Amino acid sequence: KIQYSAFFPMKVGMLELPKLLELSRDNLKIKLMIDRWLDVGD
């Protein structure tokens, strides 16, 4: 299960890129807080 808690502001014509997501499976929990995106493709 992947839960999105925050996104970076959206630019025109672009998707909102995730800022904070949490993954869970059984007893495992993984959290990723993204500070910045670089060199993003199309």
Full PDB file with SEQRES, HELIX, SHEET, SSBOND, CRYST1, ORIGX, SCALE, CONECT and MASTER records, all heavy atoms in Angstrom:
SEQRES   1 A   42  LYS ILE GLN TYR SER ALA PHE PHE PRO MET LYS VAL GLY          
SEQRES   2 A   42  MET LEU GLU LEU PRO LYS LEU LEU GLU LEU SER ARG ASP          
SEQRES   3 A   42  ASN LEU LYS ILE LYS LEU MET ILE ASP ARG TRP LEU ASP          
SEQRES   4 A   42  VAL GLY ASP                                                  
SHEET    1 AA1 3 ILE A   2  PHE A   7  0                                        
SHEET    2 AA1 3 PRO A  18  ARG A  25 -1                                        
SHEET    3 AA1 3 LEU A  28  MET A  33 -1                                        
CRYST1    1.000    1.000    1.000  90.00  90.00  90.00 P 1           1          
ORIGX1      1.000000  0.000000  0.000000        0.00000                         
ORIGX2      0.000000  1.000000  0.000000        0.00000                         
ORIGX3      0.000000  0.000000  1.000000        0.00000                         
SCALE1      1.000000  0.000000  0.000000        0.00000                         
SCALE2      0.000000  1.000000  0.000000        0.00000                         
SCALE3      0.000000  0.000000  1.000000        0.00000                         
ATOM      1  N   LYS A   1       0.863  -1.178   0.000  1.00  0.00           N  
ATOM      2  CA  LYS A   1       0.000   0.000   0.000  1.00  0.00           C  
ATOM      3  C   LYS A   1       0.899   1.227   0.000  1.00  0.00           C  
ATOM      4  O   LYS A   1       1.809   1.342   0.818  1.00  0.00           O  
ATOM      5  CB  LYS A   1      -0.913   0.046   1.228  1.00  0.00           C  
ATOM      6  CG  LYS A   1      -1.800   1.292   1.244  1.00  0.00           C  
ATOM      7  CD  LYS A   1      -2.731   1.339   2.442  1.00  0.00           C  
ATOM      8  CE  LYS A   1      -3.593   2.590   2.413  1.00  0.00           C  
ATOM      9  NZ  LYS A   1      -4.506   2.673   3.591  1.00  0.00           N  
ATOM     10  N   ILE A   2       0.642   2.131  -0.934  1.00  0.00           N  
ATOM     11  CA  ILE A   2       1.428   3.344  -1.069  1.00  0.00           C  
ATOM     12  C   ILE A   2       0.508   4.525  -0.808  1.00  0.00           C  
ATOM     13  O   ILE A   2      -0.515   4.689  -1.490  1.00  0.00           O  
ATOM     14  CB  ILE A   2       2.061   3.461  -2.468  1.00  0.00           C  
ATOM     15  CG1 ILE A   2       2.913   2.220  -2.765  1.00  0.00           C  
ATOM     16  CG2 ILE A   2       2.898   4.722  -2.570  1.00  0.00           C  
ATOM     17  CD1 ILE A   2       2.177   1.097  -3.468  1.00  0.00           C  
ATOM     18  N   GLN A   3       0.841   5.326   0.166  1.00  0.00           N  
ATOM     19  CA  GLN A   3       0.013   6.468   0.558  1.00  0.00           C  
ATOM     20  C   GLN A   3       0.784   7.760   0.295  1.00  0.00           C  
ATOM     21  O   GLN A   3       1.941   7.888   0.704  1.00  0.00           O  
ATOM     22  CB  GLN A   3      -0.351   6.392   2.043  1.00  0.00           C  
ATOM     23  CG  GLN A   3      -1.379   7.406   2.503  1.00  0.00           C  
ATOM     24  CD  GLN A   3      -2.796   6.996   2.145  1.00  0.00           C  
ATOM     25  OE1 GLN A   3      -3.140   5.815   2.205  1.00  0.00           O  
ATOM     26  NE2 GLN A   3      -3.625   7.964   1.773  1.00  0.00           N  
ATOM     27  N   TYR A   4       0.146   8.706  -0.385  1.00  0.00           N  
ATOM     28  CA  TYR A   4       0.774   9.992  -0.685  1.00  0.00           C  
ATOM     29  C   TYR A   4       0.224  11.052   0.256  1.00  0.00           C  
ATOM     30  O   TYR A   4      -0.982  11.262   0.327  1.00  0.00           O  
ATOM     31  CB  TYR A   4       0.512  10.387  -2.141  1.00  0.00           C  
ATOM     32  CG  TYR A   4       1.080   9.393  -3.124  1.00  0.00           C  
ATOM     33  CD1 TYR A   4       0.295   8.342  -3.608  1.00  0.00           C  
ATOM     34  CD2 TYR A   4       2.395   9.475  -3.553  1.00  0.00           C  
ATOM     35  CE1 TYR A   4       0.810   7.411  -4.498  1.00  0.00           C  
ATOM     36  CE2 TYR A   4       2.924   8.548  -4.439  1.00  0.00           C  
ATOM     37  CZ  TYR A   4       2.131   7.521  -4.908  1.00  0.00           C  
ATOM     38  OH  TYR A   4       2.647   6.596  -5.774  1.00  0.00           O  
ATOM     39  N   SER A   5       1.132  11.716   0.965  1.00  0.00           N  
ATOM     40  CA  SER A   5       0.706  12.698   1.965  1.00  0.00           C  
ATOM     41  C   SER A   5       0.963  14.135   1.541  1.00  0.00           C  
ATOM     42  O   SER A   5       0.382  15.055   2.111  1.00  0.00           O  
ATOM     43  CB  SER A   5       1.428  12.434   3.297  1.00  0.00           C  
ATOM     44  OG  SER A   5       1.145  11.132   3.772  1.00  0.00           O  
ATOM     45  N   ALA A   6       1.842  14.352   0.573  1.00  0.00           N  
ATOM     46  CA  ALA A   6       2.138  15.713   0.132  1.00  0.00           C  
ATOM     47  C   ALA A   6       2.741  15.679  -1.262  1.00  0.00           C  
ATOM     48  O   ALA A   6       3.391  14.707  -1.654  1.00  0.00           O  
ATOM     49  CB  ALA A   6       3.104  16.399   1.106  1.00  0.00           C  
ATOM     50  N   PHE A   7       2.501  16.772  -2.009  1.00  0.00           N  
ATOM     51  CA  PHE A   7       3.015  16.910  -3.364  1.00  0.00           C  
ATOM     52  C   PHE A   7       3.686  18.267  -3.518  1.00  0.00           C  
ATOM     53  O   PHE A   7       3.350  19.231  -2.825  1.00  0.00           O  
ATOM     54  CB  PHE A   7       1.881  16.815  -4.392  1.00  0.00           C  
ATOM     55  CG  PHE A   7       1.268  15.452  -4.521  1.00  0.00           C  
ATOM     56  CD1 PHE A   7       0.315  14.998  -3.613  1.00  0.00           C  
ATOM     57  CD2 PHE A   7       1.626  14.608  -5.560  1.00  0.00           C  
ATOM     58  CE1 PHE A   7      -0.263  13.749  -3.731  1.00  0.00           C  
ATOM     59  CE2 PHE A   7       1.057  13.349  -5.695  1.00  0.00           C  
ATOM     60  CZ  PHE A   7       0.114  12.919  -4.778  1.00  0.00           C  
ATOM     61  N   PHE A   8       4.617  18.357  -4.466  1.00  0.00           N  
ATOM     62  CA  PHE A   8       5.144  19.651  -4.858  1.00  0.00           C  
ATOM     63  C   PHE A   8       4.081  20.400  -5.644  1.00  0.00           C  
ATOM     64  O   PHE A   8       3.201  19.788  -6.256  1.00  0.00           O  
ATOM     65  CB  PHE A   8       6.395  19.477  -5.726  1.00  0.00           C  
ATOM     66  CG  PHE A   8       7.626  19.066  -4.966  1.00  0.00           C  
ATOM     67  CD1 PHE A   8       7.955  17.730  -4.833  1.00  0.00           C  
ATOM     68  CD2 PHE A   8       8.441  20.022  -4.379  1.00  0.00           C  
ATOM     69  CE1 PHE A   8       9.088  17.346  -4.142  1.00  0.00           C  
ATOM     70  CE2 PHE A   8       9.576  19.642  -3.676  1.00  0.00           C  
ATOM     71  CZ  PHE A   8       9.900  18.303  -3.553  1.00  0.00           C  
ATOM     72  N   PRO A   9       4.129  21.734  -5.661  1.00  0.00           N  
ATOM     73  CA  PRO A   9       3.145  22.499  -6.431  1.00  0.00           C  
ATOM     74  C   PRO A   9       3.173  22.104  -7.898  1.00  0.00           C  
ATOM     75  O   PRO A   9       4.226  21.822  -8.466  1.00  0.00           O  
ATOM     76  CB  PRO A   9       3.598  23.952  -6.241  1.00  0.00           C  
ATOM     77  CG  PRO A   9       4.382  23.945  -4.973  1.00  0.00           C  
ATOM     78  CD  PRO A   9       5.070  22.616  -4.933  1.00  0.00           C  
ATOM     79  N   MET A  10       2.008  22.096  -8.516  1.00  0.00           N  
ATOM     80  CA  MET A  10       1.877  21.681  -9.908  1.00  0.00           C  
ATOM     81  C   MET A  10       2.218  22.833 -10.843  1.00  0.00           C  
ATOM     82  O   MET A  10       1.859  23.986 -10.594  1.00  0.00           O  
ATOM     83  CB  MET A  10       0.453  21.194 -10.187  1.00  0.00           C  
ATOM     84  CG  MET A  10       0.213  20.703 -11.595  1.00  0.00           C  
ATOM     85  SD  MET A  10      -1.410  19.908 -11.780  1.00  0.00           S  
ATOM     86  CE  MET A  10      -2.493  21.240 -11.248  1.00  0.00           C  
ATOM     87  N   LYS A  11       2.926  22.504 -11.935  1.00  0.00           N  
ATOM     88  CA  LYS A  11       3.159  23.462 -12.997  1.00  0.00           C  
ATOM     89  C   LYS A  11       2.196  23.176 -14.136  1.00  0.00           C  
ATOM     90  O   LYS A  11       1.719  22.051 -14.305  1.00  0.00           O  
ATOM     91  CB  LYS A  11       4.606  23.371 -13.490  1.00  0.00           C  
ATOM     92  CG  LYS A  11       5.624  23.905 -12.483  1.00  0.00           C  
ATOM     93  CD  LYS A  11       7.003  24.026 -13.107  1.00  0.00           C  
ATOM     94  CE  LYS A  11       7.979  24.693 -12.153  1.00  0.00           C  
ATOM     95  NZ  LYS A  11       9.319  24.878 -12.770  1.00  0.00           N  
ATOM     96  N   VAL A  12       1.915  24.198 -14.948  1.00  0.00           N  
ATOM     97  CA  VAL A  12       0.948  24.065 -16.033  1.00  0.00           C  
ATOM     98  C   VAL A  12       1.382  22.954 -16.983  1.00  0.00           C  
ATOM     99  O   VAL A  12       2.526  22.913 -17.441  1.00  0.00           O  
ATOM    100  CB  VAL A  12       0.814  25.399 -16.798  1.00  0.00           C  
ATOM    101  CG1 VAL A  12      -0.122  25.222 -17.992  1.00  0.00           C  
ATOM    102  CG2 VAL A  12       0.312  26.494 -15.874  1.00  0.00           C  
ATOM    103  N   GLY A  13       0.452  22.037 -17.250  1.00  0.00           N  
ATOM    104  CA  GLY A  13       0.719  20.946 -18.171  1.00  0.00           C  
ATOM    105  C   GLY A  13       1.518  19.801 -17.595  1.00  0.00           C  
ATOM    106  O   GLY A  13       1.846  18.848 -18.307  1.00  0.00           O  
ATOM    107  N   MET A  14       1.826  19.878 -16.306  1.00  0.00           N  
ATOM    108  CA  MET A  14       2.648  18.865 -15.664  1.00  0.00           C  
ATOM    109  C   MET A  14       1.882  18.172 -14.548  1.00  0.00           C  
ATOM    110  O   MET A  14       0.943  18.718 -13.979  1.00  0.00           O  
ATOM    111  CB  MET A  14       3.919  19.491 -15.082  1.00  0.00           C  
ATOM    112  CG  MET A  14       4.735  20.296 -16.064  1.00  0.00           C  
ATOM    113  SD  MET A  14       5.420  19.276 -17.380  1.00  0.00           S  
ATOM    114  CE  MET A  14       6.302  20.523 -18.338  1.00  0.00           C  
ATOM    115  N   LEU A  15       2.297  16.958 -14.217  1.00  0.00           N  
ATOM    116  CA  LEU A  15       1.765  16.269 -13.056  1.00  0.00           C  
ATOM    117  C   LEU A  15       2.392  16.821 -11.785  1.00  0.00           C  
ATOM    118  O   LEU A  15       3.518  17.318 -11.799  1.00  0.00           O  
ATOM    119  CB  LEU A  15       2.067  14.765 -13.154  1.00  0.00           C  
ATOM    120  CG  LEU A  15       1.447  13.986 -14.302  1.00  0.00           C  
ATOM    121  CD1 LEU A  15       1.967  12.559 -14.271  1.00  0.00           C  
ATOM    122  CD2 LEU A  15      -0.060  14.002 -14.204  1.00  0.00           C  
ATOM    123  N   GLU A  16       1.662  16.710 -10.691  1.00  0.00           N  
ATOM    124  CA  GLU A  16       2.240  17.041  -9.397  1.00  0.00           C  
ATOM    125  C   GLU A  16       3.199  15.927  -8.979  1.00  0.00           C  
ATOM    126  O   GLU A  16       2.817  14.757  -8.947  1.00  0.00           O  
ATOM    127  CB  GLU A  16       1.147  17.203  -8.346  1.00  0.00           C  
ATOM    128  CG  GLU A  16       0.299  18.440  -8.535  1.00  0.00           C  
ATOM    129  CD  GLU A  16      -0.801  18.519  -7.489  1.00  0.00           C  
ATOM    130  OE1 GLU A  16      -1.729  17.701  -7.564  1.00  0.00           O  
ATOM    131  OE2 GLU A  16      -0.737  19.395  -6.615  1.00  0.00           O  
ATOM    132  N   LEU A  17       4.412  16.278  -8.652  1.00  0.00           N  
ATOM    133  CA  LEU A  17       5.384  15.281  -8.233  1.00  0.00           C  
ATOM    134  C   LEU A  17       5.281  15.042  -6.731  1.00  0.00           C  
ATOM    135  O   LEU A  17       5.159  15.995  -5.954  1.00  0.00           O  
ATOM    136  CB  LEU A  17       6.794  15.751  -8.580  1.00  0.00           C  
ATOM    137  CG  LEU A  17       7.092  15.859 -10.080  1.00  0.00           C  
ATOM    138  CD1 LEU A  17       8.492  16.395 -10.303  1.00  0.00           C  
ATOM    139  CD2 LEU A  17       6.924  14.520 -10.755  1.00  0.00           C  
ATOM    140  N   PRO A  18       5.319  13.787  -6.300  1.00  0.00           N  
ATOM    141  CA  PRO A  18       5.191  13.495  -4.863  1.00  0.00           C  
ATOM    142  C   PRO A  18       6.296  14.117  -4.028  1.00  0.00           C  
ATOM    143  O   PRO A  18       7.458  14.194  -4.451  1.00  0.00           O  
ATOM    144  CB  PRO A  18       5.263  11.960  -4.824  1.00  0.00           C  
ATOM    145  CG  PRO A  18       4.763  11.531  -6.164  1.00  0.00           C  
ATOM    146  CD  PRO A  18       5.297  12.562  -7.109  1.00  0.00           C  
ATOM    147  N   LYS A  19       5.923  14.550  -2.848  1.00  0.00           N  
ATOM    148  CA  LYS A  19       6.855  15.074  -1.856  1.00  0.00           C  
ATOM    149  C   LYS A  19       7.056  14.076  -0.721  1.00  0.00           C  
ATOM    150  O   LYS A  19       8.170  13.872  -0.252  1.00  0.00           O  
ATOM    151  CB  LYS A  19       6.303  16.395  -1.302  1.00  0.00           C  
ATOM    152  CG  LYS A  19       7.020  16.954  -0.080  1.00  0.00           C  
ATOM    153  CD  LYS A  19       8.342  17.572  -0.433  1.00  0.00           C  
ATOM    154  CE  LYS A  19       8.962  18.247   0.781  1.00  0.00           C  
ATOM    155  NZ  LYS A  19      10.299  18.800   0.504  1.00  0.00           N  
ATOM    156  N   LEU A  20       5.963  13.457  -0.273  1.00  0.00           N  
ATOM    157  CA  LEU A  20       6.028  12.503   0.837  1.00  0.00           C  
ATOM    158  C   LEU A  20       5.158  11.305   0.515  1.00  0.00           C  
ATOM    159  O   LEU A  20       3.975  11.444   0.207  1.00  0.00           O  
ATOM    160  CB  LEU A  20       5.536  13.162   2.134  1.00  0.00           C  
ATOM    161  CG  LEU A  20       5.431  12.264   3.369  1.00  0.00           C  
ATOM    162  CD1 LEU A  20       6.782  11.667   3.733  1.00  0.00           C  
ATOM    163  CD2 LEU A  20       4.858  13.039   4.545  1.00  0.00           C  
ATOM    164  N   LEU A  21       5.756  10.103   0.560  1.00  0.00           N  
ATOM    165  CA  LEU A  21       4.997   8.874   0.365  1.00  0.00           C  
ATOM    166  C   LEU A  21       5.431   7.841   1.387  1.00  0.00           C  
ATOM    167  O   LEU A  21       6.578   7.841   1.848  1.00  0.00           O  
ATOM    168  CB  LEU A  21       5.154   8.328  -1.043  1.00  0.00           C  
ATOM    169  CG  LEU A  21       6.543   7.966  -1.545  1.00  0.00           C  
ATOM    170  CD1 LEU A  21       6.457   6.857  -2.605  1.00  0.00           C  
ATOM    171  CD2 LEU A  21       7.213   9.183  -2.177  1.00  0.00           C  
ATOM    172  N   GLU A  22       4.477   6.980   1.758  1.00  0.00           N  
ATOM    173  CA  GLU A  22       4.732   5.910   2.720  1.00  0.00           C  
ATOM    174  C   GLU A  22       4.278   4.591   2.120  1.00  0.00           C  
ATOM    175  O   GLU A  22       3.183   4.487   1.589  1.00  0.00           O  
ATOM    176  CB  GLU A  22       3.998   6.185   4.026  1.00  0.00           C  
ATOM    177  CG  GLU A  22       4.443   7.471   4.718  1.00  0.00           C  
ATOM    178  CD  GLU A  22       3.724   7.698   6.033  1.00  0.00           C  
ATOM    179  OE1 GLU A  22       3.720   6.770   6.866  1.00  0.00           O  
ATOM    180  OE2 GLU A  22       3.156   8.787   6.205  1.00  0.00           O  
ATOM    181  N   LEU A  23       5.144   3.592   2.217  1.00  0.00           N  
ATOM    182  CA  LEU A  23       4.858   2.248   1.729  1.00  0.00           C  
ATOM    183  C   LEU A  23       4.704   1.320   2.922  1.00  0.00           C  
ATOM    184  O   LEU A  23       5.453   1.426   3.895  1.00  0.00           O  
ATOM    185  CB  LEU A  23       5.996   1.730   0.849  1.00  0.00           C  
ATOM    186  CG  LEU A  23       6.212   2.309  -0.539  1.00  0.00           C  
ATOM    187  CD1 LEU A  23       6.703   3.747  -0.485  1.00  0.00           C  
ATOM    188  CD2 LEU A  23       7.224   1.458  -1.306  1.00  0.00           C  
ATOM    189  N   SER A  24       3.769   0.407   2.842  1.00  0.00           N  
ATOM    190  CA  SER A  24       3.601  -0.568   3.924  1.00  0.00           C  
ATOM    191  C   SER A  24       3.237  -1.927   3.335  1.00  0.00           C  
ATOM    192  O   SER A  24       2.499  -2.024   2.350  1.00  0.00           O  
ATOM    193  CB  SER A  24       2.530  -0.110   4.914  1.00  0.00           C  
ATOM    194  OG  SER A  24       1.278   0.066   4.274  1.00  0.00           O  
ATOM    195  N   ARG A  25       3.772  -2.958   3.965  1.00  0.00           N  
ATOM    196  CA  ARG A  25       3.464  -4.342   3.604  1.00  0.00           C  
ATOM    197  C   ARG A  25       3.771  -5.212   4.808  1.00  0.00           C  
ATOM    198  O   ARG A  25       4.903  -5.231   5.285  1.00  0.00           O  
ATOM    199  CB  ARG A  25       4.278  -4.798   2.402  1.00  0.00           C  
ATOM    200  CG  ARG A  25       4.008  -6.235   1.986  1.00  0.00           C  
ATOM    201  CD  ARG A  25       4.768  -6.598   0.731  1.00  0.00           C  
ATOM    202  NE  ARG A  25       4.524  -7.974   0.336  1.00  0.00           N  
ATOM    203  CZ  ARG A  25       4.990  -8.541  -0.767  1.00  0.00           C  
ATOM    204  NH1 ARG A  25       5.723  -7.823  -1.611  1.00  0.00           N  
ATOM    205  NH2 ARG A  25       4.730  -9.808  -1.033  1.00  0.00           N  
ATOM    206  N   ASP A  26       2.763  -5.886   5.318  1.00  0.00           N  
ATOM    207  CA  ASP A  26       2.907  -6.680   6.543  1.00  0.00           C  
ATOM    208  C   ASP A  26       3.452  -5.772   7.647  1.00  0.00           C  
ATOM    209  O   ASP A  26       2.848  -4.747   7.942  1.00  0.00           O  
ATOM    210  CB  ASP A  26       3.796  -7.896   6.293  1.00  0.00           C  
ATOM    211  CG  ASP A  26       3.227  -8.819   5.219  1.00  0.00           C  
ATOM    212  OD1 ASP A  26       1.992  -8.915   5.127  1.00  0.00           O  
ATOM    213  OD2 ASP A  26       4.014  -9.425   4.464  1.00  0.00           O  
ATOM    214  N   ASN A  27       4.607  -6.113   8.220  1.00  0.00           N  
ATOM    215  CA  ASN A  27       5.168  -5.310   9.311  1.00  0.00           C  
ATOM    216  C   ASN A  27       6.233  -4.321   8.846  1.00  0.00           C  
ATOM    217  O   ASN A  27       6.893  -3.686   9.679  1.00  0.00           O  
ATOM    218  CB  ASN A  27       5.777  -6.235  10.374  1.00  0.00           C  
ATOM    219  CG  ASN A  27       4.724  -7.079  11.063  1.00  0.00           C  
ATOM    220  OD1 ASN A  27       3.666  -6.583  11.438  1.00  0.00           O  
ATOM    221  ND2 ASN A  27       5.003  -8.366  11.222  1.00  0.00           N  
ATOM    222  N   LEU A  28       6.389  -4.184   7.553  1.00  0.00           N  
ATOM    223  CA  LEU A  28       7.415  -3.290   7.016  1.00  0.00           C  
ATOM    224  C   LEU A  28       6.804  -1.961   6.607  1.00  0.00           C  
ATOM    225  O   LEU A  28       5.797  -1.923   5.897  1.00  0.00           O  
ATOM    226  CB  LEU A  28       8.088  -3.949   5.808  1.00  0.00           C  
ATOM    227  CG  LEU A  28       9.117  -3.120   5.037  1.00  0.00           C  
ATOM    228  CD1 LEU A  28      10.287  -2.732   5.943  1.00  0.00           C  
ATOM    229  CD2 LEU A  28       9.604  -3.881   3.817  1.00  0.00           C  
ATOM    230  N   LYS A  29       7.423  -0.882   7.049  1.00  0.00           N  
ATOM    231  CA  LYS A  29       6.984   0.465   6.667  1.00  0.00           C  
ATOM    232  C   LYS A  29       8.194   1.234   6.145  1.00  0.00           C  
ATOM    233  O   LYS A  29       9.244   1.269   6.782  1.00  0.00           O  
ATOM    234  CB  LYS A  29       6.358   1.200   7.855  1.00  0.00           C  
ATOM    235  CG  LYS A  29       5.084   0.539   8.381  1.00  0.00           C  
ATOM    236  CD  LYS A  29       4.449   1.364   9.476  1.00  0.00           C  
ATOM    237  CE  LYS A  29       3.209   0.672  10.052  1.00  0.00           C  
ATOM    238  NZ  LYS A  29       2.185   0.455   9.020  1.00  0.00           N  
ATOM    239  N   ILE A  30       8.020   1.851   4.987  1.00  0.00           N  
ATOM    240  CA  ILE A  30       9.068   2.644   4.361  1.00  0.00           C  
ATOM    241  C   ILE A  30       8.516   4.043   4.108  1.00  0.00           C  
ATOM    242  O   ILE A  30       7.422   4.194   3.560  1.00  0.00           O  
ATOM    243  CB  ILE A  30       9.524   2.016   3.033  1.00  0.00           C  
ATOM    244  CG1 ILE A  30      10.110   0.620   3.267  1.00  0.00           C  
ATOM    245  CG2 ILE A  30      10.534   2.915   2.324  1.00  0.00           C  
ATOM    246  CD1 ILE A  30      10.456  -0.119   1.986  1.00  0.00           C  
ATOM    247  N   LYS A  31       9.272   5.049   4.498  1.00  0.00           N  
ATOM    248  CA  LYS A  31       8.859   6.435   4.274  1.00  0.00           C  
ATOM    249  C   LYS A  31       9.923   7.149   3.446  1.00  0.00           C  
ATOM    250  O   LYS A  31      11.119   7.022   3.713  1.00  0.00           O  
ATOM    251  CB  LYS A  31       8.657   7.163   5.597  1.00  0.00           C  
ATOM    252  CG  LYS A  31       8.232   8.633   5.434  1.00  0.00           C  
ATOM    253  CD  LYS A  31       8.061   9.326   6.777  1.00  0.00           C  
ATOM    254  CE  LYS A  31       6.869   8.802   7.528  1.00  0.00           C  
ATOM    255  NZ  LYS A  31       6.591   9.594   8.772  1.00  0.00           N  
ATOM    256  N   LEU A  32       9.472   7.901   2.452  1.00  0.00           N  
ATOM    257  CA  LEU A  32      10.376   8.672   1.613  1.00  0.00           C  
ATOM    258  C   LEU A  32       9.896  10.110   1.537  1.00  0.00           C  
ATOM    259  O   LEU A  32       8.800  10.380   1.043  1.00  0.00           O  
ATOM    260  CB  LEU A  32      10.457   8.058   0.208  1.00  0.00           C  
ATOM    261  CG  LEU A  32      11.300   8.805  -0.831  1.00  0.00           C  
ATOM    262  CD1 LEU A  32      12.737   8.976  -0.350  1.00  0.00           C  
ATOM    263  CD2 LEU A  32      11.265   8.070  -2.166  1.00  0.00           C  
ATOM    264  N   MET A  33      10.723  11.013   2.038  1.00  0.00           N  
ATOM    265  CA  MET A  33      10.471  12.449   1.942  1.00  0.00           C  
ATOM    266  C   MET A  33      11.425  13.011   0.902  1.00  0.00           C  
ATOM    267  O   MET A  33      12.642  12.992   1.083  1.00  0.00           O  
ATOM    268  CB  MET A  33      10.703  13.133   3.294  1.00  0.00           C  
ATOM    269  CG  MET A  33      10.684  14.652   3.232  1.00  0.00           C  
ATOM    270  SD  MET A  33       9.030  15.343   2.984  1.00  0.00           S  
ATOM    271  CE  MET A  33       8.392  15.240   4.671  1.00  0.00           C  
ATOM    272  N   ILE A  34      10.867  13.487  -0.201  1.00  0.00           N  
ATOM    273  CA  ILE A  34      11.685  13.985  -1.308  1.00  0.00           C  
ATOM    274  C   ILE A  34      11.904  15.482  -1.132  1.00  0.00           C  
ATOM    275  O   ILE A  34      10.951  16.255  -1.046  1.00  0.00           O  
ATOM    276  CB  ILE A  34      11.012  13.682  -2.653  1.00  0.00           C  
ATOM    277  CG1 ILE A  34      10.807  12.171  -2.812  1.00  0.00           C  
ATOM    278  CG2 ILE A  34      11.846  14.233  -3.813  1.00  0.00           C  
ATOM    279  CD1 ILE A  34       9.930  11.780  -3.985  1.00  0.00           C  
ATOM    280  N   ASP A  35      13.167  15.874  -1.066  1.00  0.00           N  
ATOM    281  CA  ASP A  35      13.491  17.288  -0.915  1.00  0.00           C  
ATOM    282  C   ASP A  35      13.552  18.009  -2.253  1.00  0.00           C  
ATOM    283  O   ASP A  35      13.187  19.180  -2.359  1.00  0.00           O  
ATOM    284  CB  ASP A  35      14.833  17.445  -0.195  1.00  0.00           C  
ATOM    285  CG  ASP A  35      14.757  16.971   1.250  1.00  0.00           C  
ATOM    286  OD1 ASP A  35      13.735  17.252   1.906  1.00  0.00           O  
ATOM    287  OD2 ASP A  35      15.706  16.324   1.723  1.00  0.00           O  
ATOM    288  N   ARG A  36      14.012  17.318  -3.279  1.00  0.00           N  
ATOM    289  CA  ARG A  36      14.020  17.936  -4.603  1.00  0.00           C  
ATOM    290  C   ARG A  36      14.133  16.875  -5.694  1.00  0.00           C  
ATOM    291  O   ARG A  36      14.692  15.804  -5.501  1.00  0.00           O  
ATOM    292  CB  ARG A  36      15.142  18.963  -4.748  1.00  0.00           C  
ATOM    293  CG  ARG A  36      16.544  18.451  -4.512  1.00  0.00           C  
ATOM    294  CD  ARG A  36      17.523  19.629  -4.501  1.00  0.00           C  
ATOM    295  NE  ARG A  36      18.901  19.202  -4.370  1.00  0.00           N  
ATOM    296  CZ  ARG A  36      19.524  18.988  -3.221  1.00  0.00           C  
ATOM    297  NH1 ARG A  36      18.865  19.142  -2.086  1.00  0.00           N  
ATOM    298  NH2 ARG A  36      20.791  18.613  -3.196  1.00  0.00           N  
ATOM    299  N   TRP A  37      13.545  17.217  -6.834  1.00  0.00           N  
ATOM    300  CA  TRP A  37      13.620  16.426  -8.054  1.00  0.00           C  
ATOM    301  C   TRP A  37      14.590  17.108  -9.004  1.00  0.00           C  
ATOM    302  O   TRP A  37      14.562  18.330  -9.165  1.00  0.00           O  
ATOM    303  CB  TRP A  37      12.259  16.345  -8.735  1.00  0.00           C  
ATOM    304  CG  TRP A  37      11.263  15.470  -8.053  1.00  0.00           C  
ATOM    305  CD1 TRP A  37      10.353  15.844  -7.094  1.00  0.00           C  
ATOM    306  CD2 TRP A  37      11.030  14.077  -8.293  1.00  0.00           C  
ATOM    307  NE1 TRP A  37       9.586  14.763  -6.728  1.00  0.00           N  
ATOM    308  CE2 TRP A  37       9.974  13.674  -7.444  1.00  0.00           C  
ATOM    309  CE3 TRP A  37      11.607  13.138  -9.152  1.00  0.00           C  
ATOM    310  CZ2 TRP A  37       9.489  12.368  -7.434  1.00  0.00           C  
ATOM    311  CZ3 TRP A  37      11.131  11.839  -9.144  1.00  0.00           C  
ATOM    312  CH2 TRP A  37      10.084  11.462  -8.288  1.00  0.00           C  
ATOM    313  N   LEU A  38      15.418  16.312  -9.693  1.00  0.00           N  
ATOM    314  CA  LEU A  38      16.386  16.846 -10.632  1.00  0.00           C  
ATOM    315  C   LEU A  38      16.285  16.093 -11.952  1.00  0.00           C  
ATOM    316  O   LEU A  38      15.935  14.912 -11.983  1.00  0.00           O  
ATOM    317  CB  LEU A  38      17.815  16.683 -10.086  1.00  0.00           C  
ATOM    318  CG  LEU A  38      18.069  17.116  -8.636  1.00  0.00           C  
ATOM    319  CD1 LEU A  38      19.460  16.681  -8.205  1.00  0.00           C  
ATOM    320  CD2 LEU A  38      17.925  18.606  -8.487  1.00  0.00           C  
ATOM    321  N   ASP A  39      16.611  16.760 -13.045  1.00  0.00           N  
ATOM    322  CA  ASP A  39      16.733  16.120 -14.355  1.00  0.00           C  
ATOM    323  C   ASP A  39      15.537  15.224 -14.661  1.00  0.00           C  
ATOM    324  O   ASP A  39      15.670  14.039 -14.962  1.00  0.00           O  
ATOM    325  CB  ASP A  39      18.034  15.301 -14.407  1.00  0.00           C  
ATOM    326  CG  ASP A  39      18.340  14.789 -15.810  1.00  0.00           C  
ATOM    327  OD1 ASP A  39      18.088  15.531 -16.770  1.00  0.00           O  
ATOM    328  OD2 ASP A  39      18.818  13.648 -15.930  1.00  0.00           O  
ATOM    329  N   VAL A  40      14.346  15.778 -14.594  1.00  0.00           N  
ATOM    330  CA  VAL A  40      13.114  15.001 -14.781  1.00  0.00           C  
ATOM    331  C   VAL A  40      12.786  14.895 -16.263  1.00  0.00           C  
ATOM    332  O   VAL A  40      12.800  15.888 -16.993  1.00  0.00           O  
ATOM    333  CB  VAL A  40      11.946  15.659 -14.020  1.00  0.00           C  
ATOM    334  CG1 VAL A  40      10.657  14.898 -14.263  1.00  0.00           C  
ATOM    335  CG2 VAL A  40      12.268  15.723 -12.539  1.00  0.00           C  
ATOM    336  N   GLY A  41      12.470  13.668 -16.726  1.00  0.00           N  
ATOM    337  CA  GLY A  41      12.142  13.431 -18.132  1.00  0.00           C  
ATOM    338  C   GLY A  41      10.717  13.825 -18.473  1.00  0.00           C  
ATOM    339  O   GLY A  41       9.998  14.439 -17.677  1.00  0.00           O  
ATOM    340  N   ASP A  42      10.271  13.435 -19.661  1.00  0.00           N  
ATOM    341  CA  ASP A  42       8.956  13.853 -20.162  1.00  0.00           C  
ATOM    342  C   ASP A  42       7.791  13.130 -19.502  1.00  0.00           C  
ATOM    343  O   ASP A  42       6.640  13.470 -19.746  1.00  0.00           O  
ATOM    344  CB  ASP A  42       8.877  13.606 -21.674  1.00  0.00           C  
ATOM    345  CG  ASP A  42       9.747  14.579 -22.462  1.00  0.00           C  
ATOM    346  OD1 ASP A  42      10.107  15.628 -21.898  1.00  0.00           O  
ATOM    347  OD2 ASP A  42      10.070  14.272 -23.624  1.00  0.00           O  
TER     348      ASP A  42                                                      
MASTER        0    0    0    0    3    0    0    6  347    1    0    4          
END                                                                             
